[in-house]
C-alpha atoms as a PDB file:
ATOM      1  CA  MET A   1      14.363  34.890  29.793  1.00  0.00           C
ATOM      2  CA  LYS A   2      17.686  36.003  31.549  1.00  0.00           C
ATOM      3  CA  ALA A   3      21.042  34.520  30.454  1.00  0.00           C
ATOM      4  CA  LYS A   4      24.577  34.419  31.788  1.00  0.00           C
ATOM      5  CA  VAL A   5      27.855  32.860  30.884  1.00  0.00           C
ATOM      6  CA  LEU A   6      28.663  29.596  32.876  1.00  0.00           C
ATOM      7  CA  ASN A   7      31.976  27.831  32.061  1.00  0.00           C
ATOM      8  CA  GLN A   8      32.046  29.286  28.618  1.00  0.00           C
ATOM      9  CA  MET A   9      28.478  28.255  27.786  1.00  0.00           C
ATOM     10  CA  ILE A  10      25.710  30.863  28.007  1.00  0.00           C
ATOM     11  CA  SER A  11      23.271  29.491  30.445  1.00  0.00           C
ATOM     12  CA  LYS A  12      19.632  30.504  30.598  1.00  0.00           C
ATOM     13  CA  GLN A  13      17.072  30.888  33.283  1.00  0.00           C
ATOM     14  CA  LEU A  14      14.577  27.917  33.346  1.00  0.00           C
ATOM     15  CA  GLY A  15      11.107  29.348  33.342  1.00  0.00           C
ATOM     16  CA  ASN A  16      10.050  30.727  36.716  1.00  0.00           C
ATOM     17  CA  SER A  17      12.870  29.028  38.562  1.00  0.00           C
ATOM     18  CA  ASP A  18      16.165  30.449  40.021  1.00  0.00           C
ATOM     19  CA  MET A  19      18.092  27.835  37.956  1.00  0.00           C
ATOM     20  CA  PHE A  20      20.353  28.960  35.146  1.00  0.00           C
ATOM     21  CA  ILE A  21      21.040  25.887  33.020  1.00  0.00           C
ATOM     22  CA  THR A  22      23.525  25.209  30.261  1.00  0.00           C
ATOM     23  CA  PRO A  23      22.311  24.957  26.598  1.00  0.00           C
ATOM     24  CA  VAL A  24      22.718  21.207  26.797  1.00  0.00           C
ATOM     25  CA  GLY A  25      22.031  18.815  29.572  1.00  0.00           C
ATOM     26  CA  PHE A  26      23.067  15.150  30.062  1.00  0.00           C
ATOM     27  CA  GLY A  27      20.209  12.778  29.086  1.00  0.00           C
ATOM     28  CA  SER A  28      20.072   9.540  30.915  1.00  0.00           C
ATOM     29  CA  TRP A  29      17.418   7.540  29.008  1.00  0.00           C
ATOM     30  CA  ALA A  30      19.886   5.067  27.381  1.00  0.00           C
ATOM     31  CA  VAL A  31      22.087   4.685  30.606  1.00  0.00           C
ATOM     32  CA  GLY A  32      19.231   2.858  32.197  1.00  0.00           C
ATOM     33  CA  GLY A  33      20.213  -0.217  30.245  1.00  0.00           C
ATOM     34  CA  GLY A  34      18.000  -3.060  28.982  1.00  0.00           C
ATOM     35  CA  GLY A  35      15.077  -5.179  30.264  1.00  0.00           C
ATOM     36  CA  TRP A  36      12.256  -2.918  29.690  1.00  0.00           C
ATOM     37  CA  GLN A  37       9.992  -1.860  26.759  1.00  0.00           C
ATOM     38  CA  PHE A  38      11.718   1.214  25.634  1.00  0.00           C
ATOM     39  CA  ALA A  39      15.351   0.161  26.348  1.00  0.00           C
ATOM     40  CA  TRP A  40      18.258   0.979  24.136  1.00  0.00           C
ATOM     41  CA  GLY A  41      19.954  -2.353  24.711  1.00  0.00           C
ATOM     42  CA  GLN A  42      22.486  -3.269  27.421  1.00  0.00           C
ATOM     43  CA  GLN A  43      24.739  -0.616  28.821  1.00  0.00           C
ATOM     44  CA  ASN A  44      28.030  -0.492  30.705  1.00  0.00           C
ATOM     45  CA  ASP A  45      27.441   1.306  33.932  1.00  0.00           C
ATOM     46  CA  ASP A  46      31.198   2.337  34.184  1.00  0.00           C
ATOM     47  CA  ASP A  47      30.890   3.999  30.754  1.00  0.00           C
ATOM     48  CA  SER A  48      27.762   5.694  31.895  1.00  0.00           C
ATOM     49  CA  VAL A  49      29.471   7.237  35.100  1.00  0.00           C
ATOM     50  CA  ALA A  50      32.477   8.237  33.066  1.00  0.00           C
ATOM     51  CA  ALA A  51      30.277   9.976  30.497  1.00  0.00           C
ATOM     52  CA  ILE A  52      28.369  11.889  33.177  1.00  0.00           C
ATOM     53  CA  HIS A  53      31.706  12.978  34.840  1.00  0.00           C
ATOM     54  CA  LEU A  54      33.091  14.171  31.530  1.00  0.00           C
ATOM     55  CA  ALA A  55      30.016  16.158  30.617  1.00  0.00           C
ATOM     56  CA  LEU A  56      30.200  17.823  34.157  1.00  0.00           C
ATOM     57  CA  GLU A  57      33.981  18.522  33.629  1.00  0.00           C
ATOM     58  CA  LEU A  58      32.981  20.269  30.312  1.00  0.00           C
ATOM     59  CA  GLY A  59      30.580  22.585  32.061  1.00  0.00           C
ATOM     60  CA  VAL A  60      27.242  20.872  31.734  1.00  0.00           C
ATOM     61  CA  ASN A  61      25.283  21.650  34.900  1.00  0.00           C
ATOM     62  CA  TRP A  62      22.219  19.538  34.790  1.00  0.00           C
ATOM     63  CA  ILE A  63      21.207  15.880  34.354  1.00  0.00           C
ATOM     64  CA  ASP A  64      17.815  14.667  33.177  1.00  0.00           C
ATOM     65  CA  THR A  65      16.549  11.236  34.092  1.00  0.00           C
ATOM     66  CA  ALA A  66      13.320   9.501  34.862  1.00  0.00           C
ATOM     67  CA  ALA A  67      12.119   6.806  37.265  1.00  0.00           C
ATOM     68  CA  VAL A  68      11.005   4.549  34.318  1.00  0.00           C
ATOM     69  CA  TYR A  69      14.409   4.612  32.526  1.00  0.00           C
ATOM     70  CA  GLY A  70      15.737   1.147  33.144  1.00  0.00           C
ATOM     71  CA  LEU A  71      13.018   0.759  35.768  1.00  0.00           C
ATOM     72  CA  GLY A  72      14.822   2.858  38.268  1.00  0.00           C
ATOM     73  CA  HIS A  73      18.390   1.966  37.152  1.00  0.00           C
ATOM     74  CA  SER A  74      19.118   5.256  35.414  1.00  0.00           C
ATOM     75  CA  GLU A  75      18.394   7.187  38.629  1.00  0.00           C
ATOM     76  CA  GLU A  76      20.745   4.833  40.511  1.00  0.00           C
ATOM     77  CA  ILE A  77      23.516   5.448  38.072  1.00  0.00           C
ATOM     78  CA  VAL A  78      23.007   9.176  38.280  1.00  0.00           C
ATOM     79  CA  ALA A  79      23.408   8.938  42.074  1.00  0.00           C
ATOM     80  CA  ARG A  80      26.462   6.665  41.700  1.00  0.00           C
ATOM     81  CA  ALA A  81      28.006   9.208  39.346  1.00  0.00           C
ATOM     82  CA  LEU A  82      27.354  12.148  41.786  1.00  0.00           C
ATOM     83  CA  GLU A  83      28.619  10.285  44.657  1.00  0.00           C
ATOM     84  CA  SER A  84      32.090  10.166  43.049  1.00  0.00           C
ATOM     85  CA  TRP A  85      31.967  13.556  41.434  1.00  0.00           C
ATOM     86  CA  PRO A  86      34.207  15.998  43.229  1.00  0.00           C
ATOM     87  CA  GLY A  87      33.045  19.111  41.601  1.00  0.00           C
ATOM     88  CA  PRO A  88      29.976  21.491  42.016  1.00  0.00           C
ATOM     89  CA  ARG A  89      26.829  19.526  42.296  1.00  0.00           C
ATOM     90  CA  PRO A  90      24.702  19.743  39.137  1.00  0.00           C
ATOM     91  CA  TYR A  91      20.960  20.121  39.050  1.00  0.00           C
ATOM     92  CA  VAL A  92      19.068  16.798  38.913  1.00  0.00           C
ATOM     93  CA  PHE A  93      15.768  16.602  37.041  1.00  0.00           C
ATOM     94  CA  THR A  94      13.649  13.553  37.049  1.00  0.00           C
ATOM     95  CA  LYS A  95      10.069  12.477  36.092  1.00  0.00           C
ATOM     96  CA  CYS A  96       7.104  10.544  37.452  1.00  0.00           C
ATOM     97  CA  GLY A  97       3.814   9.173  36.089  1.00  0.00           C
ATOM     98  CA  LEU A  98       5.060   6.120  34.366  1.00  0.00           C
ATOM     99  CA  ARG A  99       5.005   2.955  36.500  1.00  0.00           C
ATOM    100  CA  TRP A 100       5.677  -0.555  35.160  1.00  0.00           C
ATOM    101  CA  ASP A 101       4.371  -3.955  35.200  1.00  0.00           C
ATOM    102  CA  ALA A 102       6.207  -7.310  35.686  1.00  0.00           C
ATOM    103  CA  GLN A 103       7.122  -7.257  32.003  1.00  0.00           C
ATOM    104  CA  GLY A 104       8.700  -3.839  32.084  1.00  0.00           C
ATOM    105  CA  ARG A 105       5.889  -2.180  30.212  1.00  0.00           C
ATOM    106  CA  PRO A 106       5.195   1.411  31.325  1.00  0.00           C
ATOM    107  CA  LEU A 107       1.794   2.456  32.607  1.00  0.00           C
ATOM    108  CA  GLU A 108       0.523   5.965  32.849  1.00  0.00           C
ATOM    109  CA  VAL A 109      -0.640   6.767  36.413  1.00  0.00           C
ATOM    110  CA  LEU A 110      -1.173  10.163  37.879  1.00  0.00           C
ATOM    111  CA  LYS A 111      -3.102   9.276  41.010  1.00  0.00           C
ATOM    112  CA  ALA A 112      -1.931  11.148  44.087  1.00  0.00           C
ATOM    113  CA  ALA A 113      -0.758   8.298  46.196  1.00  0.00           C
ATOM    114  CA  SER A 114       1.167   6.883  43.171  1.00  0.00           C
ATOM    115  CA  ILE A 115       3.011  10.160  42.534  1.00  0.00           C
ATOM    116  CA  GLN A 116       3.716  10.589  46.250  1.00  0.00           C
ATOM    117  CA  GLN A 117       5.181   7.086  46.383  1.00  0.00           C
ATOM    118  CA  GLU A 118       7.242   7.720  43.180  1.00  0.00           C
ATOM    119  CA  CYS A 119       8.766  10.836  44.535  1.00  0.00           C
ATOM    120  CA  GLU A 120       9.919   8.926  47.689  1.00  0.00           C
ATOM    121  CA  ASP A 121      11.322   6.196  45.515  1.00  0.00           C
ATOM    122  CA  SER A 122      13.188   8.719  43.290  1.00  0.00           C
ATOM    123  CA  LEU A 123      14.673  10.535  46.374  1.00  0.00           C
ATOM    124  CA  ARG A 124      15.844   7.241  47.681  1.00  0.00           C
ATOM    125  CA  ARG A 125      17.403   6.007  44.332  1.00  0.00           C
ATOM    126  CA  LEU A 126      19.002   9.477  43.684  1.00  0.00           C
ATOM    127  CA  LYS A 127      20.276   9.841  47.269  1.00  0.00           C
ATOM    128  CA  VAL A 128      19.019  13.443  47.420  1.00  0.00           C
ATOM    129  CA  ASP A 129      16.846  15.311  49.937  1.00  0.00           C
ATOM    130  CA  THR A 130      15.206  17.461  47.220  1.00  0.00           C
ATOM    131  CA  ILE A 131      14.669  16.945  43.409  1.00  0.00           C
ATOM    132  CA  ASP A 132      15.458  20.222  41.621  1.00  0.00           C
ATOM    133  CA  LEU A 133      12.850  19.727  38.852  1.00  0.00           C
ATOM    134  CA  TYR A 134      10.140  17.086  39.124  1.00  0.00           C
ATOM    135  CA  GLN A 135       8.146  16.445  35.887  1.00  0.00           C
ATOM    136  CA  ILE A 136       5.010  14.537  34.918  1.00  0.00           C
ATOM    137  CA  HIS A 137       6.396  12.284  32.172  1.00  0.00           C
ATOM    138  CA  TRP A 138       3.157  11.835  30.114  1.00  0.00           C
ATOM    139  CA  PRO A 139      -0.322  13.256  30.582  1.00  0.00           C
ATOM    140  CA  VAL A 140      -3.352  11.000  30.852  1.00  0.00           C
ATOM    141  CA  ASP A 141      -6.718  11.257  28.930  1.00  0.00           C
ATOM    142  CA  ASP A 142      -8.610  11.421  32.149  1.00  0.00           C
ATOM    143  CA  THR A 143      -8.893  15.103  32.947  1.00  0.00           C
ATOM    144  CA  LYS A 144      -9.735  14.474  36.663  1.00  0.00           C
ATOM    145  CA  GLU A 145      -6.690  12.258  36.992  1.00  0.00           C
ATOM    146  CA  LEU A 146      -4.556  14.830  35.189  1.00  0.00           C
ATOM    147  CA  GLU A 147      -5.641  17.549  37.790  1.00  0.00           C
ATOM    148  CA  GLU A 148      -5.182  15.131  40.707  1.00  0.00           C
ATOM    149  CA  GLY A 149      -1.605  14.478  39.415  1.00  0.00           C
ATOM    150  CA  TRP A 150      -0.703  18.092  38.988  1.00  0.00           C
ATOM    151  CA  SER A 151      -2.194  19.028  42.298  1.00  0.00           C
ATOM    152  CA  THR A 152      -0.071  16.468  43.935  1.00  0.00           C
ATOM    153  CA  MET A 153       3.062  17.816  42.218  1.00  0.00           C
ATOM    154  CA  ALA A 154       2.240  21.151  43.704  1.00  0.00           C
ATOM    155  CA  LYS A 155       1.841  19.568  47.124  1.00  0.00           C
ATOM    156  CA  LEU A 156       5.311  18.012  46.780  1.00  0.00           C
ATOM    157  CA  GLN A 157       6.777  21.330  46.086  1.00  0.00           C
ATOM    158  CA  ARG A 158       5.076  22.864  49.153  1.00  0.00           C
ATOM    159  CA  GLN A 159       6.463  19.948  51.175  1.00  0.00           C
ATOM    160  CA  GLY A 160       9.980  20.850  50.009  1.00  0.00           C
ATOM    161  CA  LYS A 161      10.453  17.386  48.381  1.00  0.00           C
ATOM    162  CA  VAL A 162      10.886  19.083  44.941  1.00  0.00           C
ATOM    163  CA  ARG A 163      12.012  22.558  44.223  1.00  0.00           C
ATOM    164  CA  TYR A 164      10.281  23.229  40.846  1.00  0.00           C
ATOM    165  CA  ILE A 165       7.658  21.278  38.873  1.00  0.00           C
ATOM    166  CA  GLY A 166       7.247  20.740  35.167  1.00  0.00           C
ATOM    167  CA  VAL A 167       5.458  18.648  32.542  1.00  0.00           C
ATOM    168  CA  SER A 168       6.519  16.532  29.539  1.00  0.00           C
ATOM    169  CA  ASN A 169       4.651  15.760  26.425  1.00  0.00           C
ATOM    170  CA  PHE A 170       1.638  18.004  27.302  1.00  0.00           C
ATOM    171  CA  ASP A 171      -0.403  19.833  24.678  1.00  0.00           C
ATOM    172  CA  VAL A 172      -1.525  23.433  25.022  1.00  0.00           C
ATOM    173  CA  ALA A 173      -4.947  22.523  26.497  1.00  0.00           C
ATOM    174  CA  GLN A 174      -3.313  20.308  29.174  1.00  0.00           C
ATOM    175  CA  MET A 175      -0.895  23.033  30.080  1.00  0.00           C
ATOM    176  CA  GLU A 176      -3.793  25.582  30.368  1.00  0.00           C
ATOM    177  CA  ARG A 177      -5.652  23.287  32.694  1.00  0.00           C
ATOM    178  CA  ALA A 178      -2.470  22.705  34.779  1.00  0.00           C
ATOM    179  CA  LEU A 179      -1.852  26.471  35.023  1.00  0.00           C
ATOM    180  CA  GLU A 180      -5.194  26.842  36.688  1.00  0.00           C
ATOM    181  CA  ILE A 181      -3.898  24.662  39.497  1.00  0.00           C
ATOM    182  CA  ALA A 182      -0.252  25.765  39.877  1.00  0.00           C
ATOM    183  CA  PRO A 183       2.553  27.455  37.868  1.00  0.00           C
ATOM    184  CA  ILE A 184       4.496  25.392  35.384  1.00  0.00           C
ATOM    185  CA  THR A 185       8.229  25.881  35.464  1.00  0.00           C
ATOM    186  CA  SER A 186       8.940  23.906  32.311  1.00  0.00           C
ATOM    187  CA  LEU A 187       7.823  21.761  29.433  1.00  0.00           C
ATOM    188  CA  GLN A 188       9.690  18.842  28.019  1.00  0.00           C
ATOM    189  CA  PRO A 189       8.567  18.071  24.445  1.00  0.00           C
ATOM    190  CA  ARG A 190      10.046  15.976  21.671  1.00  0.00           C
ATOM    191  CA  TYR A 191      11.664  18.360  19.209  1.00  0.00           C
ATOM    192  CA  SER A 192      13.975  17.905  16.249  1.00  0.00           C
ATOM    193  CA  LEU A 193      14.313  18.421  12.498  1.00  0.00           C
ATOM    194  CA  VAL A 194      12.523  15.028  12.094  1.00  0.00           C
ATOM    195  CA  HIS A 195       9.690  16.073  14.546  1.00  0.00           C
ATOM    196  CA  PRO A 196       9.303  19.751  14.450  1.00  0.00           C
ATOM    197  CA  ASP A 197       5.443  19.729  15.084  1.00  0.00           C
ATOM    198  CA  VAL A 198       5.620  21.590  18.403  1.00  0.00           C
ATOM    199  CA  GLU A 199       6.720  24.721  16.557  1.00  0.00           C
ATOM    200  CA  THR A 200       3.025  25.260  15.481  1.00  0.00           C
ATOM    201  CA  ASP A 201       1.282  25.929  18.754  1.00  0.00           C
ATOM    202  CA  ILE A 202       3.240  24.390  21.747  1.00  0.00           C
ATOM    203  CA  LEU A 203       6.442  26.437  21.677  1.00  0.00           C
ATOM    204  CA  PRO A 204       4.777  29.711  20.963  1.00  0.00           C
ATOM    205  CA  PHE A 205       2.420  29.055  23.939  1.00  0.00           C
ATOM    206  CA  CYS A 206       5.364  28.362  26.283  1.00  0.00           C
ATOM    207  CA  LEU A 207       7.208  31.437  25.086  1.00  0.00           C
ATOM    208  CA  GLY A 208       4.128  33.599  25.736  1.00  0.00           C
ATOM    209  CA  ALA A 209       3.438  31.938  29.098  1.00  0.00           C
ATOM    210  CA  GLY A 210       6.973  32.086  30.417  1.00  0.00           C
ATOM    211  CA  ILE A 211       7.260  28.365  30.609  1.00  0.00           C
ATOM    212  CA  GLY A 212      10.765  27.028  30.166  1.00  0.00           C
ATOM    213  CA  VAL A 213      11.410  24.492  27.406  1.00  0.00           C
ATOM    214  CA  ILE A 214      13.969  21.642  27.641  1.00  0.00           C
ATOM    215  CA  VAL A 215      13.612  19.588  24.583  1.00  0.00           C
ATOM    216  CA  TYR A 216      14.296  15.782  24.219  1.00  0.00           C
ATOM    217  CA  SER A 217      15.530  13.706  21.354  1.00  0.00           C
ATOM    218  CA  PRO A 218      17.026  16.826  19.438  1.00  0.00           C
ATOM    219  CA  MET A 219      19.167  14.197  17.485  1.00  0.00           C
ATOM    220  CA  ALA A 220      16.020  12.010  16.985  1.00  0.00           C
ATOM    221  CA  SER A 221      17.294   9.323  19.319  1.00  0.00           C
ATOM    222  CA  GLY A 222      20.646   9.012  17.548  1.00  0.00           C
ATOM    223  CA  LEU A 223      19.300   9.065  14.015  1.00  0.00           C
ATOM    224  CA  LEU A 224      20.859  12.450  13.243  1.00  0.00           C
ATOM    225  CA  THR A 225      24.198  11.861  14.844  1.00  0.00           C
ATOM    226  CA  GLY A 226      25.880  10.943  11.509  1.00  0.00           C
ATOM    227  CA  ALA A 227      26.945   7.530  12.889  1.00  0.00           C
ATOM    228  CA  MET A 228      23.583   5.763  12.142  1.00  0.00           C
ATOM    229  CA  THR A 229      23.472   3.653   8.939  1.00  0.00           C
ATOM    230  CA  ARG A 230      21.157   1.045   7.597  1.00  0.00           C
ATOM    231  CA  GLU A 231      23.699  -1.521   8.650  1.00  0.00           C
ATOM    232  CA  ARG A 232      23.926  -0.252  12.162  1.00  0.00           C
ATOM    233  CA  ILE A 233      20.202  -0.200  12.531  1.00  0.00           C
ATOM    234  CA  ALA A 234      19.945  -3.754  11.352  1.00  0.00           C
ATOM    235  CA  SER A 235      22.563  -4.872  13.871  1.00  0.00           C
ATOM    236  CA  LEU A 236      20.836  -3.039  16.814  1.00  0.00           C
ATOM    237  CA  PRO A 237      20.025  -5.538  19.649  1.00  0.00           C
ATOM    238  CA  GLU A 238      16.493  -6.895  19.711  1.00  0.00           C
ATOM    239  CA  ASP A 239      15.725  -4.976  22.921  1.00  0.00           C
ATOM    240  CA  ASP A 240      16.600  -1.619  21.392  1.00  0.00           C
ATOM    241  CA  TRP A 241      13.247   0.058  20.715  1.00  0.00           C
ATOM    242  CA  ARG A 242      14.637   2.041  17.794  1.00  0.00           C
ATOM    243  CA  LYS A 243      14.988  -1.058  15.732  1.00  0.00           C
ATOM    244  CA  ARG A 244      11.262  -1.138  14.804  1.00  0.00           C
ATOM    245  CA  HIS A 245      10.413   2.602  15.057  1.00  0.00           C
ATOM    246  CA  PRO A 246       9.130   4.224  11.841  1.00  0.00           C
ATOM    247  CA  ASP A 247      11.918   6.770  11.953  1.00  0.00           C
ATOM    248  CA  PHE A 248      14.410   3.999  11.640  1.00  0.00           C
ATOM    249  CA  THR A 249      12.626   2.029   8.947  1.00  0.00           C
ATOM    250  CA  GLU A 250      11.515   2.640   5.432  1.00  0.00           C
ATOM    251  CA  PRO A 251      10.115   4.857   3.840  1.00  0.00           C
ATOM    252  CA  GLU A 252      11.100   7.448   6.595  1.00  0.00           C
ATOM    253  CA  LEU A 253      14.667   6.173   6.906  1.00  0.00           C
ATOM    254  CA  SER A 254      15.792   7.233   3.421  1.00  0.00           C
ATOM    255  CA  PHE A 255      14.487  10.792   3.988  1.00  0.00           C
ATOM    256  CA  ASN A 256      16.148  11.004   7.500  1.00  0.00           C
ATOM    257  CA  LEU A 257      19.484   9.734   6.166  1.00  0.00           C
ATOM    258  CA  ALA A 258      19.360  12.364   3.491  1.00  0.00           C
ATOM    259  CA  LEU A 259      18.729  14.943   6.102  1.00  0.00           C
ATOM    260  CA  VAL A 260      21.874  13.767   7.889  1.00  0.00           C
ATOM    261  CA  GLU A 261      23.972  14.481   4.756  1.00  0.00           C
ATOM    262  CA  ARG A 262      22.487  18.082   4.788  1.00  0.00           C
ATOM    263  CA  LEU A 263      23.555  18.353   8.453  1.00  0.00           C
ATOM    264  CA  ARG A 264      26.816  16.925   7.664  1.00  0.00           C
ATOM    265  CA  ALA A 265      27.586  19.606   4.885  1.00  0.00           C
ATOM    266  CA  ILE A 266      26.769  22.325   7.389  1.00  0.00           C
ATOM    267  CA  GLY A 267      28.722  20.740  10.149  1.00  0.00           C
ATOM    268  CA  GLN A 268      31.815  20.679   8.071  1.00  0.00           C
ATOM    269  CA  ARG A 269      31.751  24.464   7.747  1.00  0.00           C
ATOM    270  CA  HIS A 270      31.776  24.703  11.537  1.00  0.00           C
ATOM    271  CA  GLY A 271      34.107  21.750  12.224  1.00  0.00           C
ATOM    272  CA  LYS A 272      31.355  19.948  14.008  1.00  0.00           C
ATOM    273  CA  SER A 273      29.267  16.738  13.501  1.00  0.00           C
ATOM    274  CA  PRO A 274      25.914  16.398  11.983  1.00  0.00           C
ATOM    275  CA  GLY A 275      24.421  15.630  15.448  1.00  0.00           C
ATOM    276  CA  ALA A 276      25.845  18.808  16.932  1.00  0.00           C
ATOM    277  CA  VAL A 277      24.190  20.767  14.147  1.00  0.00           C
ATOM    278  CA  ALA A 278      20.898  19.083  14.752  1.00  0.00           C
ATOM    279  CA  VAL A 279      21.047  20.072  18.416  1.00  0.00           C
ATOM    280  CA  ALA A 280      22.026  23.570  17.523  1.00  0.00           C
ATOM    281  CA  TRP A 281      19.059  23.836  15.268  1.00  0.00           C
ATOM    282  CA  THR A 282      16.770  23.159  18.194  1.00  0.00           C
ATOM    283  CA  LEU A 283      18.561  25.706  20.319  1.00  0.00           C
ATOM    284  CA  HIS A 284      17.908  28.520  17.737  1.00  0.00           C
ATOM    285  CA  ASN A 285      14.282  28.590  18.566  1.00  0.00           C
ATOM    286  CA  PRO A 286      13.642  31.490  20.974  1.00  0.00           C
ATOM    287  CA  ALA A 287      11.228  29.434  23.052  1.00  0.00           C
ATOM    288  CA  VAL A 288      13.825  26.688  23.769  1.00  0.00           C
ATOM    289  CA  THR A 289      15.842  27.132  27.023  1.00  0.00           C
ATOM    290  CA  ALA A 290      18.046  24.023  26.444  1.00  0.00           C
ATOM    291  CA  ALA A 291      18.259  20.552  24.885  1.00  0.00           C
ATOM    292  CA  ILE A 292      18.661  17.176  26.486  1.00  0.00           C
ATOM    293  CA  VAL A 293      21.466  15.242  24.784  1.00  0.00           C
ATOM    294  CA  GLY A 294      22.175  11.650  25.713  1.00  0.00           C
ATOM    295  CA  ALA A 295      25.573   9.967  25.814  1.00  0.00           C
ATOM    296  CA  ARG A 296      26.356   6.293  26.564  1.00  0.00           C
ATOM    297  CA  LYS A 297      30.160   6.621  26.708  1.00  0.00           C
ATOM    298  CA  PRO A 298      32.772   9.437  27.203  1.00  0.00           C
ATOM    299  CA  GLU A 299      33.673   9.707  23.522  1.00  0.00           C
ATOM    300  CA  GLN A 300      30.146  10.796  22.702  1.00  0.00           C
ATOM    301  CA  VAL A 301      30.272  13.704  25.294  1.00  0.00           C
ATOM    302  CA  ASN A 302      32.543  16.211  23.354  1.00  0.00           C
ATOM    303  CA  ASP A 303      30.067  16.091  20.396  1.00  0.00           C
ATOM    304  CA  MET A 304      27.278  16.719  22.746  1.00  0.00           C
ATOM    305  CA  VAL A 305      28.797  19.746  24.267  1.00  0.00           C
ATOM    306  CA  ALA A 306      29.902  21.106  20.875  1.00  0.00           C
ATOM    307  CA  ALA A 307      26.291  21.843  19.979  1.00  0.00           C
ATOM    308  CA  ALA A 308      26.285  24.785  22.364  1.00  0.00           C
ATOM    309  CA  GLU A 309      29.145  26.447  20.417  1.00  0.00           C
ATOM    310  CA  ILE A 310      27.496  26.397  17.014  1.00  0.00           C
ATOM    311  CA  ARG A 311      25.657  29.571  15.788  1.00  0.00           C
ATOM    312  CA  LEU A 312      23.752  28.679  12.627  1.00  0.00           C
ATOM    313  CA  THR A 313      23.519  31.402   9.949  1.00  0.00           C
ATOM    314  CA  GLY A 314      20.287  32.568   8.461  1.00  0.00           C
ATOM    315  CA  SER A 315      21.228  30.855   5.149  1.00  0.00           C
ATOM    316  CA  GLU A 316      21.988  27.626   7.011  1.00  0.00           C
ATOM    317  CA  LEU A 317      18.650  27.648   8.630  1.00  0.00           C
ATOM    318  CA  GLU A 318      17.037  28.112   5.344  1.00  0.00           C
ATOM    319  CA  GLU A 319      19.002  25.179   3.954  1.00  0.00           C
ATOM    320  CA  LEU A 320      17.465  23.099   6.713  1.00  0.00           C
ATOM    321  CA  LYS A 321      13.934  24.382   5.928  1.00  0.00           C
ATOM    322  CA  THR A 322      14.175  23.406   2.191  1.00  0.00           C
ATOM    323  CA  ILE A 323      14.877  19.665   2.725  1.00  0.00           C
ATOM    324  CA  PRO A 324      13.159  17.730   0.017  1.00  0.00           C
ATOM    325  CA  GLN A 325       9.950  16.187   1.177  1.00  0.00           C
ATOM    326  CA  LEU A 326       9.486  12.463   1.653  1.00  0.00           C
ATOM    327  CA  VAL A 327       8.406  10.830  -1.606  1.00  0.00           C
ATOM    328  CA  ALA A 328       5.469   8.451  -1.131  1.00  0.00           C
END
């Protein structure tokens, strides 16, 4: 994996691509707003645009979104931010494979015609001629449909509609099957101190296969930021999916909040927040190219970028390995 310095951040080459990306990228899940099954509650679009602009000003050079985020709204907000951005154009990554019904519930579809249509829709919403990285958002159980979907992604690449293709949430067997059809530029897995399970097989496989890794939810969807409390969780709007997720409810919540205090102690030594330490922890893994970090308003962006500056020591990594286990 090659690396170079970009705006004071050491960028890394993403898999087999010619893209060198910064250690953190702007995550656009929450900026999609409300009205669908995995919403984070209502969102101010002006705040979203301002947050994206600040991230770009601070040197972040890629934005990750998806068609399903806000049922297309996130992609439209990314386009709006880029239209009014005077600086160098960042890389734009988006995803397909999750359509939605009239109630805003995502449906996994990897049929060829569906992916082709999704690509056209994303190009229109993003107002770009080519998508830098197009990713299958979720695999499907049907192997033939999975193969059909990945074959269609390779076709889109040949057509020039997308520059590189990747996958998200795939396991090793699914990636091995995809590799028989076309190269995989990157994998996007969930990875954090709360959910480290990809360390066992998936990250080592990607490292060995030369597949880039951009992890999502490195702060466990805001849980590890240091700003999340029981009171705040209780006051989350009803259309915020986190309100009822096991990570945000007992018995896991007590364990996770204790973890935040461990992160806070380490962060104080570096002059950084618990959330920045949590992101830095994911970046220490040699398989990880970069991390997706969301921000809903400009004041959250500095903390997001700060994660790229932290170099955790061996003893600090050991501290985070020895977190007391959840008591049943």
